[in-house]
Amino acid sequence: MAPESPIDSATALRAGQPDYQRFAPKTVDLSNPWLAWAKYLAYRLAEARGWGGTIRFAVNRGLAVVLTGYVEGDLIRHSEVFTPLRALDLPVGHTTTVLEEMGIFEDDSEPSFERWLAARLEGLAPGIRAEVERWTRTLHDGGPRSLPRQPGTVWLYLNRVRPALLEWSDRCDHLREVTRDEVLAYLKTLHGRHRHEQLVALRSLFTWAKRASLIFRNPTSRIKVGQYQYAVLQPLIPEQVNRSVAAATTPAARLVLALAAVHAARVAQIGTLKLDDVDIGNRRMTIAGRVRPLDDLTLKLLLDWLEHRRKRWPNTANLHLLINNQTATKTSRASNHWISAPMRGQTATLERLRVDRHLEEAIIQGPDPLHLAEVFGLDEKTAMYYADSARALLEQAAELQHR
C-alpha cells in the first residue's frame, strides 16, 4: 500500500474544499459515479490519443486523487491539484484533460505571458510601467482599433523599448515627460540595425500613447527611421555545415536538418507539418501550403523517421509528422525549442541553413527575385534581398577571377 503524501495539506487548499493531498488508496470510493464517469472518459481519450498502459494507470490514479469526496457543482482548480499530483508523480496534464472533458475543471494557472510581462516591466518608474503595460497588452490582446500582434512581435517590441525606458525612468515618472531631445540623445548612442529597430518600437509606443491621450505630443514624430542597409549575405562554409550534420544524431534531427537545408523550411513550418502533408508515392511534400518535390536524401531521411516513429510510438494518435515523448500522447505539435535543440550552439543553425539554401538557389539559378518568390514563396522585399546578395557575391567572384 502506497504511503500518504507527506506534504502539509493545509498549505494549498481553500476552506471547505476536499483535501487532495491527504489521498491514500484506502480512502478511494470506487463506487463514486464521478470517478466511474472520469475513468470512462479517460479510456476514450487514451484510445484516441494512444496513451500507453503506464499513462492510463497513472491518470486513473490521479483521477481518484482529485475526485475522492467531490461534490457536484464544485470546480476543481489547477492551483489545487498541481502540487498533490506532482508530489505523487502523477501526470497533471493528462489528468486535467479528463476533468476538462467532464466540464468541472478551471485552469487558474498563471499564463507565461504574465510572468514574462512582469519581469520585463521590473525597474521602470511606476507611471511609465503602468502605461507601457497597457501598450503591451494592447499589442498582445488587440484593442478597439487594432488587431492582436503575433507573440514574437510583442516580445520584440517590449524588449527593444526597455533599455530606453529604464534610462528615462531615472528622471521621468510618465511617458508624457519624455521629450524629443531625450529621444534624439538616446538614439545617438545607437547605430545601424539597433537604431532602426528601437526607433520603430519607440514610435509604436508613443503613437499608441498619443492616441490614448496619455501624452500631449509624440516625441518620435518626424524622426526618420531611414532605410536600413542590410549587409550582403555570406554563404556558409563546408566545415560549418559538416559540424551541424555531425550534430544531427537522431532520425528526427536528420530530417529536420534536411527540411531546413534542402527545402528552406522554417522551424515553425517544420513543427506544424502533418502526416497528410507527406505524399511518399508521388515523392512530394507540402510545406506551408507549397508543394515541394522530395529529393533522394530527404525521402530517405523521411522514411527512416517514419519507421522510427512507428516503432517508438505505435499507438500514437498525434497527426503531426514530428513528435516526441511529450507530444506522442497528445495532439499538439512539438515545440520550436525541441526541434532546434540539436543545432543549438552550431554556426550553421537551422535558420542559417534555411537562409543559405535561399542564397544558394539565387547563385545557381541566377539572382532572379521572381524565381525565388515562386520556388520558396518569399515576399517581394525578401526575394530582392537574396537576389541582391547573390549578385554581389557573383560580382566579387568575377573580380577575383580577373585579377
Protein backbone atom coordinates (compact mmCIF):
# COMPACT_ATOMS: atom_id res chain seq x y z
CA MET A 1 0.00 0.00 0.00
CA ALA A 2 1.44 3.37 -1.01
CA PRO A 3 2.08 5.80 1.88
CA GLU A 4 0.17 9.03 2.23
CA SER A 5 1.73 12.15 0.75
CA PRO A 6 3.97 13.85 3.36
CA ILE A 7 3.03 17.33 2.15
CA ASP A 8 1.18 19.50 4.66
CA SER A 9 -2.30 19.67 3.20
CA ALA A 10 -3.19 22.97 4.85
CA THR A 11 -0.79 24.99 2.70
CA ALA A 12 -2.59 24.90 -0.64
CA LEU A 13 -6.30 24.27 -0.15
CA ARG A 14 -9.27 26.58 0.20
CA ALA A 15 -11.52 26.22 3.21
CA GLY A 16 -14.33 23.77 2.60
CA GLN A 17 -12.63 22.04 -0.34
CA PRO A 18 -11.60 18.34 -0.47
CA ASP A 19 -8.14 17.65 0.93
CA TYR A 20 -6.47 16.16 -2.15
CA GLN A 21 -3.05 15.98 -0.55
CA ARG A 22 -4.13 13.52 2.13
CA PHE A 23 -5.10 10.95 -0.50
CA ALA A 24 -4.37 7.34 0.30
CA PRO A 25 -5.62 4.35 -1.77
CA LYS A 26 -7.73 3.07 1.12
CA THR A 27 -9.81 6.24 1.07
CA VAL A 28 -10.92 5.86 -2.55
CA ASP A 29 -14.63 5.24 -3.07
CA LEU A 30 -14.68 3.00 -6.13
CA SER A 31 -18.47 3.32 -6.31
CA ASN A 32 -18.21 7.08 -6.80
CA PRO A 33 -20.19 7.80 -10.01
CA TRP A 34 -17.96 10.81 -10.81
CA LEU A 35 -14.89 8.59 -10.73
CA ALA A 36 -16.59 5.98 -12.88
CA TRP A 37 -17.51 8.62 -15.46
CA ALA A 38 -13.98 10.05 -15.36
CA LYS A 39 -12.43 6.62 -15.96
CA TYR A 40 -14.74 6.07 -18.92
CA LEU A 41 -13.70 9.40 -20.46
CA ALA A 42 -10.06 8.62 -19.70
CA TYR A 43 -10.42 5.31 -21.57
CA ARG A 44 -11.85 7.09 -24.61
CA LEU A 45 -9.09 9.71 -24.59
CA ALA A 46 -6.45 7.00 -24.17
CA GLU A 47 -7.78 5.16 -27.22
CA ALA A 48 -7.99 8.34 -29.27
CA ARG A 49 -4.55 9.67 -28.33
CA GLY A 50 -2.57 6.48 -27.96
CA TRP A 51 -1.84 6.60 -24.23
CA GLY A 52 0.21 3.63 -23.11
CA GLY A 53 -0.56 1.40 -20.16
CA THR A 54 1.67 3.33 -17.75
CA ILE A 55 -0.04 6.63 -18.54
CA ARG A 56 -3.51 5.08 -18.31
CA PHE A 57 -2.77 3.68 -14.86
CA ALA A 58 -1.30 6.98 -13.65
CA VAL A 59 -4.25 9.00 -14.99
CA ASN A 60 -6.76 6.73 -13.27
CA ARG A 61 -4.87 7.12 -10.01
CA GLY A 62 -4.75 10.89 -10.47
CA LEU A 63 -8.49 10.98 -11.05
CA ALA A 64 -9.00 9.04 -7.83
CA VAL A 65 -6.93 11.70 -6.03
CA VAL A 66 -8.94 14.67 -7.23
CA LEU A 67 -12.42 13.14 -7.32
CA THR A 68 -12.47 11.49 -3.89
CA GLY A 69 -15.05 13.46 -1.92
CA TYR A 70 -16.04 15.51 -4.97
CA VAL A 71 -19.35 17.34 -4.57
CA GLU A 72 -21.47 18.13 -7.61
CA GLY A 73 -21.24 21.79 -8.57
CA ASP A 74 -17.66 22.28 -7.38
CA LEU A 75 -14.88 23.30 -9.75
CA ILE A 76 -11.51 21.60 -9.48
CA ARG A 77 -8.79 24.20 -9.97
CA HIS A 78 -5.31 23.78 -11.38
CA SER A 79 -3.78 25.55 -8.36
CA GLU A 80 -5.38 22.98 -6.02
CA VAL A 81 -4.35 19.79 -7.78
CA PHE A 82 -0.95 20.63 -9.26
CA THR A 83 1.10 20.16 -6.09
CA PRO A 84 -0.52 16.93 -4.80
CA LEU A 85 -0.42 15.28 -8.21
CA ARG A 86 3.22 16.22 -8.73
CA ALA A 87 4.06 15.00 -5.20
CA LEU A 88 2.68 11.59 -6.16
CA ASP A 89 4.47 11.71 -9.55
CA LEU A 90 1.15 11.64 -11.39
CA PRO A 91 0.55 13.34 -14.78
CA VAL A 92 -1.08 16.71 -14.22
CA GLY A 93 -1.75 17.50 -17.88
CA HIS A 94 -3.40 14.19 -18.77
CA THR A 95 -5.47 14.16 -15.60
CA THR A 96 -6.77 17.70 -16.07
CA THR A 97 -7.58 16.90 -19.71
CA VAL A 98 -10.12 14.37 -18.46
CA LEU A 99 -11.50 16.88 -15.96
CA GLU A 100 -11.90 19.40 -18.79
CA GLU A 101 -13.92 16.83 -20.72
CA MET A 102 -16.16 16.49 -17.67
CA GLY A 103 -16.64 20.26 -17.50
CA ILE A 104 -15.53 20.52 -13.87
CA PHE A 105 -12.01 21.95 -14.30
CA GLU A 106 -10.87 25.57 -14.08
CA ASP A 107 -7.37 26.46 -15.28
CA ASP A 108 -6.31 29.24 -12.94
CA SER A 109 -2.59 28.80 -13.58
CA GLU A 110 -0.69 31.98 -14.38
CA PRO A 111 -0.07 32.30 -18.13
CA SER A 112 3.57 32.51 -19.19
CA PHE A 113 2.84 35.90 -20.78
CA GLU A 114 2.00 37.35 -17.37
CA ARG A 115 5.26 36.16 -15.83
CA TRP A 116 7.27 37.47 -18.77
CA LEU A 117 5.50 40.83 -18.74
CA ALA A 118 6.06 41.32 -15.02
CA ALA A 119 9.76 40.58 -15.42
CA ARG A 120 10.16 42.96 -18.38
CA LEU A 121 8.42 45.82 -16.56
CA GLU A 122 10.61 45.45 -13.49
CA GLY A 123 12.71 48.54 -12.80
CA LEU A 124 10.53 51.06 -14.65
CA ALA A 125 9.10 54.14 -12.94
CA PRO A 126 5.56 53.34 -11.68
CA GLY A 127 3.81 55.70 -14.12
CA ILE A 128 5.84 54.54 -17.11
CA ARG A 129 5.37 50.93 -16.03
CA ALA A 130 1.57 51.27 -15.97
CA GLU A 131 1.47 52.98 -19.38
CA VAL A 132 3.85 50.51 -21.01
CA GLU A 133 1.86 47.62 -19.58
CA ARG A 134 -1.31 48.99 -21.22
CA TRP A 135 0.54 49.32 -24.55
CA THR A 136 1.95 45.79 -24.34
CA ARG A 137 -1.44 44.31 -23.50
CA THR A 138 -2.98 46.17 -26.44
CA LEU A 139 -0.34 44.67 -28.72
CA HIS A 140 -0.95 41.22 -27.23
CA ASP A 141 -4.76 41.23 -26.94
CA GLY A 142 -5.75 43.84 -29.54
CA GLY A 143 -7.97 46.84 -28.96
CA PRO A 144 -10.94 48.73 -30.38
CA ARG A 145 -8.92 49.84 -33.41
CA SER A 146 -6.14 47.28 -33.54
CA LEU A 147 -5.77 43.54 -34.01
CA PRO A 148 -3.62 41.35 -31.73
CA ARG A 149 0.01 41.06 -32.81
CA GLN A 150 1.96 37.84 -33.02
CA PRO A 151 3.54 36.88 -29.64
CA GLY A 152 7.00 37.21 -31.18
CA THR A 153 6.26 40.78 -32.26
CA VAL A 154 5.07 41.72 -28.76
CA TRP A 155 8.21 40.20 -27.28
CA LEU A 156 10.47 42.08 -29.68
CA TYR A 157 8.78 45.46 -29.26
CA LEU A 158 8.88 45.47 -25.46
CA ASN A 159 12.46 44.19 -25.37
CA ARG A 160 13.53 46.92 -27.81
CA VAL A 161 11.99 49.82 -25.88
CA ARG A 162 13.04 48.55 -22.44
CA PRO A 163 16.64 49.96 -22.45
CA ALA A 164 15.40 53.48 -23.28
CA LEU A 165 12.58 53.26 -20.74
CA LEU A 166 14.98 52.17 -17.99
CA GLU A 167 17.19 55.17 -18.74
CA TRP A 168 14.27 57.61 -18.78
CA SER A 169 12.82 56.13 -15.58
CA ASP A 170 15.71 57.70 -13.65
CA ARG A 171 14.29 61.18 -14.26
CA CYS A 172 10.74 60.73 -15.61
CA ASP A 173 7.62 59.41 -13.92
CA HIS A 174 5.38 59.24 -17.02
CA LEU A 175 5.78 58.94 -20.79
CA ARG A 176 4.48 62.49 -21.25
CA GLU A 177 7.68 63.77 -19.61
CA VAL A 178 9.94 62.24 -22.28
CA THR A 179 10.99 64.96 -24.71
CA ARG A 180 12.06 64.85 -28.33
CA ASP A 181 15.59 65.88 -27.32
CA GLU A 182 15.79 62.92 -24.94
CA VAL A 183 14.70 60.55 -27.70
CA LEU A 184 17.31 62.02 -30.09
CA ALA A 185 20.02 61.85 -27.43
CA TYR A 186 19.26 58.20 -26.80
CA LEU A 187 19.20 57.34 -30.50
CA LYS A 188 22.64 58.90 -30.96
CA THR A 189 24.05 56.08 -28.85
CA LEU A 190 22.74 53.52 -31.34
CA HIS A 191 23.83 52.63 -34.84
CA GLY A 192 22.65 50.58 -37.80
CA ARG A 193 20.18 47.82 -37.12
CA HIS A 194 19.87 48.57 -33.38
CA ARG A 195 18.90 52.19 -34.02
CA HIS A 196 16.42 51.17 -36.71
CA GLU A 197 14.71 48.51 -34.59
CA GLN A 198 14.50 50.53 -31.38
CA LEU A 199 13.15 53.62 -33.14
CA VAL A 200 10.42 51.56 -34.82
CA ALA A 201 9.38 50.14 -31.43
CA LEU A 202 9.51 53.56 -29.72
CA ARG A 203 7.35 55.07 -32.47
CA SER A 204 4.79 52.31 -31.87
CA LEU A 205 4.75 53.03 -28.14
CA PHE A 206 4.43 56.83 -28.41
CA THR A 207 1.94 56.68 -31.29
CA TRP A 208 -0.29 54.50 -29.12
CA ALA A 209 0.21 56.81 -26.13
CA LYS A 210 -0.82 59.84 -28.19
CA ARG A 211 -3.91 58.04 -29.45
CA ALA A 212 -4.77 57.06 -25.86
CA SER A 213 -4.34 60.72 -24.75
CA LEU A 214 -1.53 59.83 -22.37
CA ILE A 215 0.91 62.35 -23.91
CA PHE A 216 0.49 65.85 -25.33
CA ARG A 217 2.75 65.34 -28.36
CA ASN A 218 4.63 62.42 -29.87
CA PRO A 219 8.38 62.91 -29.26
CA THR A 220 9.27 60.46 -32.03
CA SER A 221 7.31 62.22 -34.76
CA ARG A 222 9.35 63.47 -37.74
CA ILE A 223 12.35 61.41 -36.62
CA LYS A 224 13.16 59.44 -39.74
CA VAL A 225 13.56 55.74 -39.34
CA GLY A 226 15.55 55.65 -42.56
CA GLN A 227 16.24 52.74 -44.86
CA TYR A 228 18.37 50.18 -43.10
CA GLN A 229 21.18 49.00 -45.30
CA TYR A 230 21.39 45.25 -44.98
CA ALA A 231 24.79 43.64 -45.29
CA VAL A 232 25.48 41.21 -48.12
CA LEU A 233 24.57 37.70 -47.00
CA GLN A 234 27.51 35.33 -46.85
CA PRO A 235 27.22 31.60 -47.61
CA LEU A 236 28.12 29.01 -45.00
CA ILE A 237 31.42 27.23 -45.47
CA PRO A 238 31.50 23.40 -45.77
CA GLU A 239 33.11 22.95 -42.35
CA GLN A 240 30.24 24.76 -40.65
CA VAL A 241 27.65 22.63 -42.43
CA ASN A 242 29.58 19.44 -41.68
CA ARG A 243 29.61 20.19 -37.95
CA SER A 244 25.84 20.59 -37.97
CA VAL A 245 25.44 17.36 -39.93
CA ALA A 246 27.57 15.58 -37.32
CA ALA A 247 25.40 17.05 -34.53
CA ALA A 248 22.23 15.57 -36.06
CA THR A 249 22.45 12.14 -34.45
CA THR A 250 18.78 11.11 -34.33
CA PRO A 251 16.31 10.32 -37.14
CA ALA A 252 14.23 13.38 -36.21
CA ALA A 253 17.25 15.72 -36.14
CA ARG A 254 18.48 14.47 -39.51
CA LEU A 255 15.08 15.00 -41.10
CA VAL A 256 14.78 18.48 -39.60
CA LEU A 257 18.24 19.35 -40.92
CA ALA A 258 17.25 18.29 -44.44
CA LEU A 259 13.98 20.22 -44.34
CA ALA A 260 15.86 23.40 -43.40
CA ALA A 261 18.92 22.93 -45.61
CA VAL A 262 17.25 21.48 -48.72
CA HIS A 263 13.72 22.86 -48.59
CA ALA A 264 14.39 26.12 -46.70
CA ALA A 265 11.64 25.35 -44.19
CA ARG A 266 11.33 27.49 -41.07
CA VAL A 267 11.31 25.83 -37.65
CA ALA A 268 7.64 26.73 -37.09
CA GLN A 269 6.72 25.32 -40.51
CA ILE A 270 8.52 22.07 -39.71
CA GLY A 271 6.70 21.81 -36.39
CA THR A 272 3.26 22.19 -37.99
CA LEU A 273 3.81 19.55 -40.70
CA LYS A 274 1.18 16.80 -40.59
CA LEU A 275 1.37 13.24 -41.85
CA ASP A 276 -1.11 14.20 -44.56
CA ASP A 277 1.42 16.71 -45.89
CA VAL A 278 3.66 13.85 -46.96
CA ASP A 279 2.96 12.01 -50.23
CA ILE A 280 5.54 9.23 -50.42
CA GLY A 281 4.06 7.62 -53.52
CA ASN A 282 4.31 10.79 -55.59
CA ARG A 283 7.54 11.91 -53.87
CA ARG A 284 6.32 15.28 -52.71
CA MET A 285 5.65 17.19 -49.51
CA THR A 286 3.53 20.24 -48.77
CA ILE A 287 5.36 22.84 -46.67
CA ALA A 288 3.48 25.99 -45.67
CA GLY A 289 0.95 25.38 -48.43
CA ARG A 290 3.56 24.91 -51.19
CA VAL A 291 4.17 21.50 -52.79
CA ARG A 292 7.85 20.54 -52.81
CA PRO A 293 9.34 17.57 -54.70
CA LEU A 294 11.15 15.10 -52.47
CA ASP A 295 14.79 14.60 -53.41
CA ASP A 296 16.51 11.27 -52.72
CA LEU A 297 18.17 12.45 -49.49
CA THR A 298 15.04 13.92 -47.94
CA LEU A 299 13.00 10.88 -48.99
CA LYS A 300 15.44 8.50 -47.31
CA LEU A 301 15.57 10.54 -44.10
CA LEU A 302 11.79 10.84 -44.11
CA LEU A 303 11.34 7.07 -44.44
CA ASP A 304 13.91 6.48 -41.67
CA TRP A 305 12.00 8.84 -39.38
CA LEU A 306 8.59 7.34 -40.15
CA GLU A 307 9.93 3.85 -39.38
CA HIS A 308 11.45 5.07 -36.11
CA ARG A 309 8.20 6.88 -35.28
CA ARG A 310 6.14 3.73 -35.91
CA LYS A 311 8.36 1.56 -33.72
CA ARG A 312 8.77 4.08 -30.90
CA TRP A 313 5.12 5.20 -30.65
CA PRO A 314 2.99 2.55 -32.38
CA ASN A 315 -0.25 3.69 -30.74
CA THR A 316 0.09 7.44 -31.02
CA ALA A 317 -2.87 9.36 -32.40
CA ASN A 318 -0.86 12.55 -32.95
CA LEU A 319 -1.11 13.52 -36.62
CA HIS A 320 1.93 15.81 -36.62
CA LEU A 321 4.89 14.49 -38.58
CA LEU A 322 7.38 15.21 -35.80
CA ILE A 323 6.53 14.01 -32.31
CA ASN A 324 8.45 13.25 -29.13
CA ASN A 325 7.86 11.69 -25.72
CA GLN A 326 5.84 14.70 -24.59
CA THR A 327 3.59 15.05 -27.65
CA ALA A 328 3.14 11.40 -28.61
CA THR A 329 0.31 11.06 -26.08
CA LYS A 330 -1.29 14.37 -27.07
CA THR A 331 -2.42 16.05 -30.27
CA SER A 332 -0.22 19.14 -30.04
CA ARG A 333 2.89 19.85 -32.12
CA ALA A 334 6.48 19.58 -30.92
CA SER A 335 7.94 22.85 -29.64
CA ASN A 336 10.32 25.04 -31.65
CA HIS A 337 12.82 24.61 -28.81
CA TRP A 338 12.86 20.83 -29.18
CA ILE A 339 13.12 20.99 -32.97
CA SER A 340 16.05 23.43 -32.85
CA ALA A 341 17.89 21.83 -29.92
CA PRO A 342 20.35 19.59 -31.87
CA MET A 343 21.70 22.60 -33.83
CA ARG A 344 21.91 24.93 -30.85
CA GLY A 345 25.45 26.24 -30.46
CA GLN A 346 26.36 25.48 -34.07
CA THR A 347 27.25 28.21 -36.56
CA ALA A 348 25.02 26.54 -39.12
CA THR A 349 21.78 26.74 -37.16
CA LEU A 350 18.50 25.75 -38.77
CA GLU A 351 17.81 29.41 -39.57
CA ARG A 352 21.27 29.90 -41.10
CA LEU A 353 20.82 26.73 -43.15
CA ARG A 354 17.46 28.00 -44.39
CA VAL A 355 18.97 31.34 -45.41
CA ASP A 356 21.90 29.57 -47.05
CA ARG A 357 19.51 27.49 -49.16
CA HIS A 358 17.83 30.64 -50.48
CA LEU A 359 21.21 32.17 -51.25
CA GLU A 360 22.42 29.01 -52.97
CA GLU A 361 19.35 28.97 -55.22
CA ALA A 362 19.92 32.61 -56.15
CA ILE A 363 23.55 31.96 -57.03
CA ILE A 364 22.98 28.77 -59.02
CA GLN A 365 19.83 29.83 -60.88
CA GLY A 366 20.77 33.48 -61.17
CA PRO A 367 19.76 36.44 -58.96
CA ASP A 368 16.14 36.48 -60.09
CA PRO A 369 13.78 37.55 -57.28
CA LEU A 370 10.74 36.28 -59.20
CA HIS A 371 12.24 32.79 -59.33
CA LEU A 372 12.99 32.85 -55.60
CA ALA A 373 9.50 34.04 -54.80
CA GLU A 374 7.99 31.26 -56.91
CA VAL A 375 10.17 28.45 -55.52
CA PHE A 376 10.13 29.39 -51.84
CA GLY A 377 7.05 31.61 -51.50
CA LEU A 378 9.11 34.64 -50.42
CA ASP A 379 7.67 38.12 -50.37
CA GLU A 380 8.99 40.67 -52.87
CA LYS A 381 11.30 42.52 -50.47
CA THR A 382 12.89 39.35 -49.09
CA ALA A 383 13.37 37.85 -52.54
CA MET A 384 15.08 41.02 -53.73
CA TYR A 385 17.38 40.95 -50.70
CA TYR A 386 18.56 37.43 -51.54
CA ALA A 387 18.92 38.33 -55.21
CA ASP A 388 20.98 41.44 -54.39
CA SER A 389 23.27 39.44 -52.11
CA ALA A 390 23.73 36.74 -54.75
CA ARG A 391 24.51 39.37 -57.38
CA ALA A 392 27.12 40.98 -55.13
CA LEU A 393 28.75 37.60 -54.42
CA LEU A 394 28.84 36.73 -58.13
CA GLU A 395 30.41 40.08 -58.93
CA GLN A 396 33.03 39.60 -56.23
CA ALA A 397 33.86 36.14 -57.59
CA ALA A 398 34.18 37.57 -61.13
CA GLU A 399 36.54 40.30 -59.95
CA LEU A 400 38.75 37.78 -58.19
CA GLN A 401 38.98 35.67 -61.36
CA HIS A 402 40.14 38.65 -63.44
CA ARG A 403 42.94 39.62 -61.06
